[in-house]
Amino acid sequence: MKSTATESIVKLRTVYAGRVITLNVETVRLPNGHVTDLEIMHHPGGAAVVAIDGELRVCLLRQFRHAVGGWIWELPAGKLEPAEPALETARRELIEEAGVAGGDWVSLGDYVSSPGVFTETVKLYMARGLRAVNIAHEAAELIEIHWVPFGEACHRALSGDINDGKTALGLLRAQALLAAQG
């Protein structure tokens, strides 16, 4: 029988529990039997959207992120709320951050941001069949909405101009899906 991550925890000490994250020091037994202390940051996860309009432009947000020291290019995305399915998070965030609703949705799989220390998994989606709706930015969000030709956005992900992992992977997975669909 395969052991799960929780079965391998020998001891757990919560260092910090905040609004979004919890930081634990977890003494774990690894599959090879070695016991070690790991600092693990628990996060509820999130969802991100590659929103492509009828002109094959993708919605990219230029957003101020204090943690990285300035402005960064990202897909519309956000944190899962308790008991909220990931697709509903994606739908909500697209409306709140970009002012559009998607009609056609497809999963692009999962993205794990930093699996050595961070439990966050981001569910990636592609939305098409977009229509304008009322935007609802939060007061603490500094966001510019840009509609960029899809090919240009993918090139920017490959060149490193877009360096947010969920955004680059979402764009490239959407590009592969669209190419496979012909």
N, C-alpha and C. Protein backbone atom coordinates (compact mmCIF):
# COMPACT_ATOMS: atom_id res chain seq x y z
N MET A 1 0.84 -1.18 0.00
CA MET A 1 0.00 0.00 0.00
C MET A 1 0.88 1.25 0.00
N LYS A 2 0.54 2.20 -0.85
CA LYS A 2 1.29 3.46 -0.92
C LYS A 2 1.01 4.30 0.30
N SER A 3 2.04 4.93 0.85
CA SER A 3 1.80 5.85 1.96
C SER A 3 1.50 7.24 1.41
N THR A 4 0.67 7.98 2.13
CA THR A 4 0.37 9.35 1.73
C THR A 4 1.25 10.28 2.52
N ALA A 5 1.28 11.54 2.10
CA ALA A 5 2.11 12.53 2.79
C ALA A 5 1.72 12.65 4.26
N THR A 6 0.42 12.60 4.57
CA THR A 6 0.00 12.76 5.96
C THR A 6 0.38 11.54 6.80
N GLU A 7 0.46 10.37 6.19
CA GLU A 7 0.88 9.18 6.94
C GLU A 7 2.35 9.25 7.31
N SER A 8 3.13 10.06 6.61
CA SER A 8 4.57 10.14 6.89
C SER A 8 4.92 11.19 7.93
N ILE A 9 3.95 11.96 8.41
CA ILE A 9 4.23 13.00 9.41
C ILE A 9 4.42 12.34 10.77
N VAL A 10 5.58 12.60 11.36
CA VAL A 10 5.90 12.08 12.68
C VAL A 10 5.51 13.11 13.74
N LYS A 11 5.76 14.39 13.45
CA LYS A 11 5.47 15.48 14.38
C LYS A 11 5.17 16.72 13.56
N LEU A 12 4.26 17.55 14.06
CA LEU A 12 3.88 18.77 13.35
C LEU A 12 3.81 19.91 14.35
N ARG A 13 4.45 21.03 13.97
CA ARG A 13 4.40 22.24 14.80
C ARG A 13 4.01 23.41 13.91
N THR A 14 2.89 24.06 14.23
CA THR A 14 2.45 25.23 13.48
C THR A 14 3.21 26.45 13.98
N VAL A 15 3.90 27.12 13.06
CA VAL A 15 4.69 28.30 13.38
C VAL A 15 3.84 29.56 13.19
N TYR A 16 2.99 29.53 12.16
CA TYR A 16 2.17 30.70 11.83
C TYR A 16 0.91 30.23 11.13
N ALA A 17 -0.23 30.80 11.50
CA ALA A 17 -1.50 30.54 10.81
C ALA A 17 -2.13 31.89 10.50
N GLY A 18 -2.20 32.22 9.22
CA GLY A 18 -2.73 33.52 8.80
C GLY A 18 -4.01 33.38 8.01
N ARG A 19 -4.37 34.47 7.35
CA ARG A 19 -5.60 34.54 6.57
C ARG A 19 -5.55 33.62 5.36
N VAL A 20 -4.37 33.47 4.75
CA VAL A 20 -4.24 32.67 3.53
C VAL A 20 -3.36 31.45 3.74
N ILE A 21 -2.28 31.59 4.46
CA ILE A 21 -1.30 30.50 4.57
C ILE A 21 -1.11 30.06 6.01
N THR A 22 -0.64 28.82 6.14
CA THR A 22 -0.20 28.28 7.42
C THR A 22 1.20 27.73 7.21
N LEU A 23 2.11 28.07 8.10
CA LEU A 23 3.49 27.58 8.03
C LEU A 23 3.71 26.58 9.15
N ASN A 24 4.09 25.37 8.76
CA ASN A 24 4.37 24.31 9.73
C ASN A 24 5.82 23.88 9.62
N VAL A 25 6.37 23.40 10.73
CA VAL A 25 7.59 22.60 10.70
C VAL A 25 7.08 21.18 10.89
N GLU A 26 7.31 20.35 9.87
CA GLU A 26 6.80 18.98 9.87
C GLU A 26 7.96 18.01 9.91
N THR A 27 7.99 17.19 10.95
CA THR A 27 8.96 16.10 11.02
C THR A 27 8.33 14.95 10.26
N VAL A 28 8.98 14.52 9.18
CA VAL A 28 8.38 13.51 8.30
C VAL A 28 9.34 12.33 8.11
N ARG A 29 8.73 11.18 7.85
CA ARG A 29 9.49 9.99 7.47
C ARG A 29 9.36 9.88 5.96
N LEU A 30 10.49 9.98 5.26
CA LEU A 30 10.52 9.89 3.80
C LEU A 30 10.36 8.44 3.36
N PRO A 31 9.99 8.22 2.09
CA PRO A 31 9.81 6.84 1.61
C PRO A 31 11.02 5.93 1.82
N ASN A 32 12.22 6.51 1.92
CA ASN A 32 13.41 5.68 2.15
C ASN A 32 13.68 5.43 3.64
N GLY A 33 12.76 5.92 4.52
CA GLY A 33 12.89 5.71 5.95
C GLY A 33 13.57 6.84 6.70
N HIS A 34 14.24 7.76 6.01
CA HIS A 34 14.92 8.89 6.64
C HIS A 34 13.89 9.83 7.28
N VAL A 35 14.17 10.31 8.48
CA VAL A 35 13.31 11.26 9.17
C VAL A 35 13.99 12.62 9.14
N THR A 36 13.22 13.65 8.75
CA THR A 36 13.79 14.99 8.63
C THR A 36 12.73 16.04 8.95
N ASP A 37 13.18 17.25 9.28
CA ASP A 37 12.27 18.38 9.51
C ASP A 37 12.15 19.17 8.20
N LEU A 38 10.90 19.48 7.83
CA LEU A 38 10.63 20.28 6.64
C LEU A 38 9.78 21.48 7.02
N GLU A 39 10.09 22.63 6.45
CA GLU A 39 9.25 23.82 6.61
C GLU A 39 8.28 23.82 5.44
N ILE A 40 6.98 23.67 5.75
CA ILE A 40 5.97 23.54 4.71
C ILE A 40 4.94 24.65 4.86
N MET A 41 4.72 25.39 3.77
CA MET A 41 3.72 26.44 3.75
C MET A 41 2.47 25.89 3.07
N HIS A 42 1.36 25.84 3.82
CA HIS A 42 0.10 25.31 3.30
C HIS A 42 -0.74 26.45 2.75
N HIS A 43 -1.31 26.22 1.57
CA HIS A 43 -2.11 27.20 0.85
C HIS A 43 -3.31 26.48 0.28
N PRO A 44 -4.49 27.11 0.25
CA PRO A 44 -5.69 26.40 -0.24
C PRO A 44 -5.70 26.11 -1.74
N GLY A 45 -4.79 26.69 -2.48
CA GLY A 45 -4.75 26.48 -3.92
C GLY A 45 -5.44 27.61 -4.67
N GLY A 46 -5.37 27.54 -5.98
CA GLY A 46 -5.95 28.60 -6.78
C GLY A 46 -6.35 28.12 -8.16
N ALA A 47 -6.81 29.07 -8.96
CA ALA A 47 -7.20 28.79 -10.34
C ALA A 47 -6.76 29.97 -11.20
N ALA A 48 -6.35 29.68 -12.44
CA ALA A 48 -5.92 30.72 -13.38
C ALA A 48 -6.55 30.45 -14.73
N VAL A 49 -6.76 31.53 -15.51
CA VAL A 49 -7.51 31.43 -16.76
C VAL A 49 -6.75 32.02 -17.93
N VAL A 50 -6.59 31.20 -18.98
CA VAL A 50 -6.13 31.69 -20.27
C VAL A 50 -7.40 32.06 -21.03
N ALA A 51 -7.74 33.35 -21.03
CA ALA A 51 -8.97 33.84 -21.67
C ALA A 51 -8.62 34.35 -23.06
N ILE A 52 -9.18 33.70 -24.08
CA ILE A 52 -8.86 34.04 -25.47
C ILE A 52 -10.12 34.54 -26.16
N ASP A 53 -10.03 35.74 -26.73
CA ASP A 53 -11.20 36.33 -27.38
C ASP A 53 -11.31 35.90 -28.84
N GLY A 54 -12.31 36.39 -29.54
CA GLY A 54 -12.58 36.04 -30.92
C GLY A 54 -11.51 36.49 -31.90
N GLU A 55 -10.66 37.42 -31.49
CA GLU A 55 -9.57 37.91 -32.34
C GLU A 55 -8.24 37.22 -32.01
N LEU A 56 -8.31 36.12 -31.25
CA LEU A 56 -7.13 35.36 -30.79
C LEU A 56 -6.17 36.23 -29.98
N ARG A 57 -6.75 37.05 -29.12
CA ARG A 57 -5.96 37.80 -28.15
C ARG A 57 -6.21 37.17 -26.78
N VAL A 58 -5.20 37.20 -25.94
CA VAL A 58 -5.31 36.65 -24.60
C VAL A 58 -5.28 37.78 -23.58
N CYS A 59 -6.04 37.61 -22.52
CA CYS A 59 -6.06 38.60 -21.45
C CYS A 59 -4.86 38.38 -20.55
N LEU A 60 -4.00 39.39 -20.47
CA LEU A 60 -2.89 39.39 -19.53
C LEU A 60 -3.06 40.58 -18.60
N LEU A 61 -2.78 40.36 -17.35
CA LEU A 61 -2.85 41.42 -16.37
C LEU A 61 -1.44 41.86 -16.02
N ARG A 62 -1.22 43.14 -16.03
CA ARG A 62 0.02 43.69 -15.49
C ARG A 62 -0.35 44.12 -14.09
N GLN A 63 0.22 43.40 -13.10
CA GLN A 63 -0.22 43.56 -11.73
C GLN A 63 0.97 43.86 -10.82
N PHE A 64 0.74 44.78 -9.88
CA PHE A 64 1.79 45.08 -8.91
C PHE A 64 1.81 44.00 -7.85
N ARG A 65 3.00 43.40 -7.65
CA ARG A 65 3.19 42.35 -6.64
C ARG A 65 4.36 42.73 -5.75
N HIS A 66 4.04 43.13 -4.54
CA HIS A 66 5.07 43.54 -3.58
C HIS A 66 6.11 42.43 -3.39
N ALA A 67 5.66 41.17 -3.32
CA ALA A 67 6.58 40.05 -3.03
C ALA A 67 7.69 39.91 -4.06
N VAL A 68 7.46 40.34 -5.30
CA VAL A 68 8.51 40.25 -6.32
C VAL A 68 9.11 41.61 -6.66
N GLY A 69 8.72 42.62 -5.91
CA GLY A 69 9.34 43.93 -6.05
C GLY A 69 8.85 44.78 -7.20
N GLY A 70 7.62 44.55 -7.65
CA GLY A 70 7.11 45.43 -8.70
C GLY A 70 6.02 44.80 -9.54
N TRP A 71 5.99 45.23 -10.80
CA TRP A 71 4.94 44.83 -11.73
C TRP A 71 5.32 43.52 -12.43
N ILE A 72 4.32 42.68 -12.66
CA ILE A 72 4.52 41.38 -13.29
C ILE A 72 3.33 41.07 -14.20
N TRP A 73 3.58 40.29 -15.25
CA TRP A 73 2.52 39.87 -16.16
C TRP A 73 1.94 38.55 -15.67
N GLU A 74 0.60 38.50 -15.59
CA GLU A 74 -0.07 37.31 -15.09
C GLU A 74 -1.38 37.08 -15.83
N LEU A 75 -1.85 35.85 -15.75
CA LEU A 75 -3.21 35.52 -16.16
C LEU A 75 -4.16 35.94 -15.05
N PRO A 76 -5.43 36.17 -15.36
CA PRO A 76 -6.41 36.35 -14.28
C PRO A 76 -6.39 35.08 -13.41
N ALA A 77 -6.30 35.26 -12.12
CA ALA A 77 -6.17 34.11 -11.22
C ALA A 77 -6.52 34.52 -9.80
N GLY A 78 -6.76 33.51 -8.97
CA GLY A 78 -7.04 33.80 -7.58
C GLY A 78 -7.10 32.56 -6.73
N LYS A 79 -7.23 32.80 -5.44
CA LYS A 79 -7.24 31.77 -4.41
C LYS A 79 -8.60 31.09 -4.35
N LEU A 80 -8.57 29.77 -4.16
CA LEU A 80 -9.80 29.02 -3.93
C LEU A 80 -10.41 29.45 -2.60
N GLU A 81 -11.69 29.70 -2.60
CA GLU A 81 -12.41 29.98 -1.35
C GLU A 81 -12.85 28.64 -0.76
N PRO A 82 -13.09 28.58 0.56
CA PRO A 82 -13.50 27.31 1.17
C PRO A 82 -14.71 26.70 0.45
N ALA A 83 -14.60 25.44 0.11
CA ALA A 83 -15.66 24.65 -0.54
C ALA A 83 -16.01 25.15 -1.95
N GLU A 84 -15.21 26.04 -2.52
CA GLU A 84 -15.48 26.54 -3.87
C GLU A 84 -14.73 25.67 -4.88
N PRO A 85 -15.45 25.08 -5.84
CA PRO A 85 -14.76 24.31 -6.89
C PRO A 85 -13.82 25.22 -7.69
N ALA A 86 -12.72 24.65 -8.15
CA ALA A 86 -11.71 25.43 -8.87
C ALA A 86 -12.28 26.14 -10.09
N LEU A 87 -13.17 25.49 -10.83
CA LEU A 87 -13.76 26.14 -12.01
C LEU A 87 -14.56 27.37 -11.62
N GLU A 88 -15.24 27.33 -10.49
CA GLU A 88 -15.98 28.50 -10.02
C GLU A 88 -15.02 29.62 -9.63
N THR A 89 -13.90 29.27 -9.03
CA THR A 89 -12.87 30.28 -8.73
C THR A 89 -12.40 30.93 -10.02
N ALA A 90 -12.11 30.12 -11.03
CA ALA A 90 -11.65 30.65 -12.32
C ALA A 90 -12.69 31.59 -12.92
N ARG A 91 -13.95 31.18 -12.92
CA ARG A 91 -15.03 32.02 -13.47
C ARG A 91 -15.11 33.35 -12.72
N ARG A 92 -15.06 33.27 -11.38
CA ARG A 92 -15.17 34.47 -10.54
C ARG A 92 -14.01 35.42 -10.77
N GLU A 93 -12.80 34.88 -10.79
CA GLU A 93 -11.61 35.72 -10.95
C GLU A 93 -11.57 36.39 -12.33
N LEU A 94 -12.00 35.68 -13.36
CA LEU A 94 -12.02 36.28 -14.71
C LEU A 94 -12.94 37.49 -14.73
N ILE A 95 -14.10 37.36 -14.09
CA ILE A 95 -15.03 38.49 -14.02
C ILE A 95 -14.44 39.62 -13.17
N GLU A 96 -13.97 39.28 -11.97
CA GLU A 96 -13.48 40.31 -11.04
C GLU A 96 -12.27 41.06 -11.58
N GLU A 97 -11.34 40.34 -12.21
CA GLU A 97 -10.07 40.96 -12.60
C GLU A 97 -10.05 41.47 -14.04
N ALA A 98 -10.79 40.82 -14.94
CA ALA A 98 -10.71 41.20 -16.35
C ALA A 98 -12.00 41.78 -16.90
N GLY A 99 -13.10 41.64 -16.17
CA GLY A 99 -14.37 42.17 -16.64
C GLY A 99 -14.95 41.42 -17.81
N VAL A 100 -14.66 40.12 -17.91
CA VAL A 100 -15.26 39.27 -18.95
C VAL A 100 -15.69 37.95 -18.32
N ALA A 101 -16.69 37.34 -18.93
CA ALA A 101 -17.15 36.02 -18.54
C ALA A 101 -16.91 35.08 -19.71
N GLY A 102 -16.52 33.86 -19.40
CA GLY A 102 -16.26 32.87 -20.44
C GLY A 102 -17.47 31.99 -20.66
N GLY A 103 -17.68 31.61 -21.93
CA GLY A 103 -18.78 30.71 -22.25
C GLY A 103 -18.35 29.28 -22.40
N ASP A 104 -17.16 29.06 -22.94
CA ASP A 104 -16.63 27.72 -23.18
C ASP A 104 -15.37 27.54 -22.35
N TRP A 105 -15.33 26.49 -21.53
CA TRP A 105 -14.23 26.27 -20.61
C TRP A 105 -13.62 24.90 -20.84
N VAL A 106 -12.29 24.81 -20.72
CA VAL A 106 -11.59 23.54 -20.79
C VAL A 106 -10.45 23.56 -19.78
N SER A 107 -10.23 22.42 -19.13
CA SER A 107 -9.14 22.32 -18.16
C SER A 107 -7.82 22.18 -18.89
N LEU A 108 -6.80 22.87 -18.37
CA LEU A 108 -5.43 22.75 -18.88
C LEU A 108 -4.54 22.03 -17.87
N GLY A 109 -5.13 21.43 -16.84
CA GLY A 109 -4.36 20.67 -15.86
C GLY A 109 -3.91 21.51 -14.68
N ASP A 110 -3.04 20.92 -13.90
CA ASP A 110 -2.56 21.53 -12.66
C ASP A 110 -1.15 22.08 -12.82
N TYR A 111 -0.84 23.04 -11.95
CA TYR A 111 0.49 23.61 -11.84
C TYR A 111 0.85 23.66 -10.36
N VAL A 112 2.00 23.12 -10.00
CA VAL A 112 2.48 23.23 -8.62
C VAL A 112 3.64 24.23 -8.63
N SER A 113 3.51 25.25 -7.79
CA SER A 113 4.42 26.39 -7.89
C SER A 113 5.81 26.15 -7.29
N SER A 114 5.88 25.56 -6.13
CA SER A 114 7.17 25.33 -5.49
C SER A 114 7.04 24.12 -4.57
N PRO A 115 7.02 22.91 -5.14
CA PRO A 115 6.65 21.72 -4.38
C PRO A 115 7.59 21.33 -3.25
N GLY A 116 8.74 21.93 -3.15
CA GLY A 116 9.65 21.63 -2.05
C GLY A 116 9.21 22.23 -0.73
N VAL A 117 8.43 23.33 -0.80
CA VAL A 117 8.06 24.03 0.44
C VAL A 117 6.61 24.51 0.48
N PHE A 118 5.89 24.43 -0.64
CA PHE A 118 4.61 25.11 -0.78
C PHE A 118 3.57 24.12 -1.29
N THR A 119 2.42 23.99 -0.61
CA THR A 119 1.40 23.02 -1.02
C THR A 119 0.45 23.53 -2.11
N GLU A 120 0.57 24.80 -2.50
CA GLU A 120 -0.36 25.38 -3.47
C GLU A 120 -0.34 24.62 -4.80
N THR A 121 -1.53 24.25 -5.27
CA THR A 121 -1.73 23.74 -6.61
C THR A 121 -2.69 24.69 -7.31
N VAL A 122 -2.32 25.14 -8.51
CA VAL A 122 -3.17 26.04 -9.30
C VAL A 122 -3.79 25.23 -10.42
N LYS A 123 -5.11 25.27 -10.52
CA LYS A 123 -5.85 24.63 -11.59
C LYS A 123 -5.88 25.61 -12.76
N LEU A 124 -5.42 25.17 -13.92
CA LEU A 124 -5.36 26.02 -15.11
C LEU A 124 -6.53 25.73 -16.03
N TYR A 125 -7.11 26.79 -16.59
CA TYR A 125 -8.25 26.66 -17.51
C TYR A 125 -8.04 27.57 -18.72
N MET A 126 -8.72 27.20 -19.81
CA MET A 126 -8.81 28.08 -20.96
C MET A 126 -10.29 28.43 -21.13
N ALA A 127 -10.57 29.71 -21.34
CA ALA A 127 -11.93 30.18 -21.56
C ALA A 127 -12.02 30.84 -22.94
N ARG A 128 -13.06 30.50 -23.66
CA ARG A 128 -13.36 31.13 -24.96
C ARG A 128 -14.82 31.60 -24.90
N GLY A 129 -15.31 32.16 -25.99
CA GLY A 129 -16.68 32.62 -26.01
C GLY A 129 -16.92 33.70 -24.96
N LEU A 130 -16.04 34.69 -24.94
CA LEU A 130 -16.04 35.72 -23.90
C LEU A 130 -17.10 36.79 -24.16
N ARG A 131 -17.61 37.34 -23.07
CA ARG A 131 -18.52 38.49 -23.16
C ARG A 131 -18.19 39.44 -22.02
N ALA A 132 -18.37 40.73 -22.29
CA ALA A 132 -18.06 41.76 -21.29
C ALA A 132 -19.08 41.74 -20.16
N VAL A 133 -18.57 41.94 -18.93
CA VAL A 133 -19.41 42.06 -17.73
C VAL A 133 -18.80 43.15 -16.86
N ASN A 134 -19.47 43.50 -15.78
CA ASN A 134 -18.94 44.51 -14.87
C ASN A 134 -17.72 43.99 -14.14
N ILE A 135 -16.69 44.79 -14.11
CA ILE A 135 -15.43 44.44 -13.44
C ILE A 135 -15.56 44.73 -11.95
N ALA A 136 -14.81 44.02 -11.13
CA ALA A 136 -14.92 44.19 -9.68
C ALA A 136 -13.56 44.03 -9.00
N HIS A 137 -12.60 44.90 -9.34
CA HIS A 137 -11.29 44.82 -8.68
C HIS A 137 -11.43 45.07 -7.18
N GLU A 138 -10.59 44.37 -6.42
CA GLU A 138 -10.52 44.62 -4.98
C GLU A 138 -9.64 45.84 -4.75
N ALA A 139 -9.86 46.54 -3.65
CA ALA A 139 -9.11 47.78 -3.37
C ALA A 139 -7.60 47.55 -3.32
N ALA A 140 -7.17 46.38 -2.86
CA ALA A 140 -5.74 46.11 -2.72
C ALA A 140 -5.11 45.57 -4.00
N GLU A 141 -5.88 45.52 -5.09
CA GLU A 141 -5.34 45.02 -6.36
C GLU A 141 -5.00 46.20 -7.28
N LEU A 142 -3.75 46.24 -7.73
CA LEU A 142 -3.32 47.22 -8.72
C LEU A 142 -3.15 46.45 -10.02
N ILE A 143 -4.13 46.59 -10.93
CA ILE A 143 -4.19 45.76 -12.13
C ILE A 143 -4.42 46.62 -13.36
N GLU A 144 -3.63 46.34 -14.40
CA GLU A 144 -3.89 46.87 -15.74
C GLU A 144 -4.30 45.68 -16.61
N ILE A 145 -5.36 45.82 -17.37
CA ILE A 145 -5.84 44.75 -18.24
C ILE A 145 -5.31 44.99 -19.65
N HIS A 146 -4.68 43.97 -20.23
CA HIS A 146 -4.14 44.06 -21.59
C HIS A 146 -4.63 42.87 -22.40
N TRP A 147 -5.02 43.11 -23.64
CA TRP A 147 -5.38 42.05 -24.58
C TRP A 147 -4.26 41.96 -25.60
N VAL A 148 -3.52 40.87 -25.54
CA VAL A 148 -2.28 40.68 -26.29
C VAL A 148 -2.50 39.57 -27.33
N PRO A 149 -2.01 39.76 -28.57
CA PRO A 149 -2.10 38.66 -29.54
C PRO A 149 -1.54 37.37 -28.91
N PHE A 150 -2.30 36.27 -29.06
CA PHE A 150 -1.96 35.03 -28.38
C PHE A 150 -0.55 34.55 -28.73
N GLY A 151 -0.18 34.58 -29.99
CA GLY A 151 1.16 34.15 -30.39
C GLY A 151 2.25 34.99 -29.73
N GLU A 152 2.02 36.30 -29.64
CA GLU A 152 2.99 37.19 -28.99
C GLU A 152 3.13 36.83 -27.51
N ALA A 153 2.01 36.55 -26.84
CA ALA A 153 2.06 36.19 -25.42
C ALA A 153 2.86 34.90 -25.22
N CYS A 154 2.65 33.92 -26.09
CA CYS A 154 3.40 32.66 -25.98
C CYS A 154 4.90 32.90 -26.20
N HIS A 155 5.21 33.74 -27.17
CA HIS A 155 6.62 34.08 -27.42
C HIS A 155 7.22 34.76 -26.18
N ARG A 156 6.46 35.65 -25.55
CA ARG A 156 6.93 36.35 -24.35
C ARG A 156 7.15 35.37 -23.19
N ALA A 157 6.32 34.32 -23.12
CA ALA A 157 6.52 33.30 -22.08
C ALA A 157 7.81 32.53 -22.34
N LEU A 158 8.06 32.18 -23.59
CA LEU A 158 9.27 31.44 -23.93
C LEU A 158 10.53 32.28 -23.77
N SER A 159 10.44 33.58 -24.04
CA SER A 159 11.62 34.45 -23.95
C SER A 159 11.96 34.85 -22.52
N GLY A 160 11.02 34.65 -21.58
CA GLY A 160 11.26 35.04 -20.20
C GLY A 160 10.67 36.39 -19.84
N ASP A 161 10.11 37.11 -20.82
CA ASP A 161 9.47 38.39 -20.51
C ASP A 161 8.29 38.15 -19.57
N ILE A 162 7.56 37.06 -19.78
CA ILE A 162 6.54 36.62 -18.84
C ILE A 162 7.21 35.54 -18.01
N ASN A 163 7.45 35.84 -16.73
CA ASN A 163 8.19 34.89 -15.89
C ASN A 163 7.37 34.32 -14.74
N ASP A 164 6.09 34.58 -14.72
CA ASP A 164 5.22 33.95 -13.74
C ASP A 164 4.92 32.53 -14.22
N GLY A 165 5.21 31.54 -13.39
CA GLY A 165 5.12 30.14 -13.80
C GLY A 165 3.75 29.70 -14.27
N LYS A 166 2.69 30.05 -13.50
CA LYS A 166 1.35 29.61 -13.89
C LYS A 166 0.93 30.25 -15.21
N THR A 167 1.38 31.47 -15.45
CA THR A 167 1.03 32.17 -16.68
C THR A 167 1.75 31.55 -17.87
N ALA A 168 3.05 31.35 -17.74
CA ALA A 168 3.81 30.76 -18.85
C ALA A 168 3.30 29.36 -19.18
N LEU A 169 3.08 28.54 -18.16
CA LEU A 169 2.61 27.18 -18.41
C LEU A 169 1.20 27.17 -18.97
N GLY A 170 0.33 28.01 -18.45
CA GLY A 170 -1.03 28.10 -18.97
C GLY A 170 -1.05 28.49 -20.44
N LEU A 171 -0.25 29.49 -20.80
CA LEU A 171 -0.18 29.92 -22.21
C LEU A 171 0.32 28.80 -23.10
N LEU A 172 1.38 28.12 -22.68
CA LEU A 172 1.96 27.07 -23.52
C LEU A 172 1.06 25.84 -23.62
N ARG A 173 0.35 25.51 -22.55
CA ARG A 173 -0.60 24.40 -22.63
C ARG A 173 -1.78 24.76 -23.53
N ALA A 174 -2.24 26.00 -23.45
CA ALA A 174 -3.33 26.44 -24.33
C ALA A 174 -2.87 26.43 -25.78
N GLN A 175 -1.64 26.85 -26.02
CA GLN A 175 -1.10 26.84 -27.39
C GLN A 175 -1.07 25.41 -27.94
N ALA A 176 -0.64 24.46 -27.12
CA ALA A 176 -0.58 23.06 -27.56
C ALA A 176 -1.99 22.53 -27.82
N LEU A 177 -2.94 22.85 -26.96
CA LEU A 177 -4.32 22.40 -27.15
C LEU A 177 -4.92 22.96 -28.43
N LEU A 178 -4.72 24.27 -28.65
CA LEU A 178 -5.26 24.88 -29.86
C LEU A 178 -4.61 24.31 -31.11
N ALA A 179 -3.30 24.03 -31.07
CA ALA A 179 -2.61 23.44 -32.22
C ALA A 179 -3.15 22.03 -32.50
N ALA A 180 -3.44 21.26 -31.45
CA ALA A 180 -3.95 19.90 -31.61
C ALA A 180 -5.36 19.91 -32.19
N GLN A 181 -6.11 20.97 -31.88
CA GLN A 181 -7.49 21.08 -32.39
C GLN A 181 -7.52 21.53 -33.85
N GLY A 182 -6.35 22.01 -34.32
CA GLY A 182 -6.25 22.44 -35.72
C GLY A 182 -6.77 23.78 -35.91
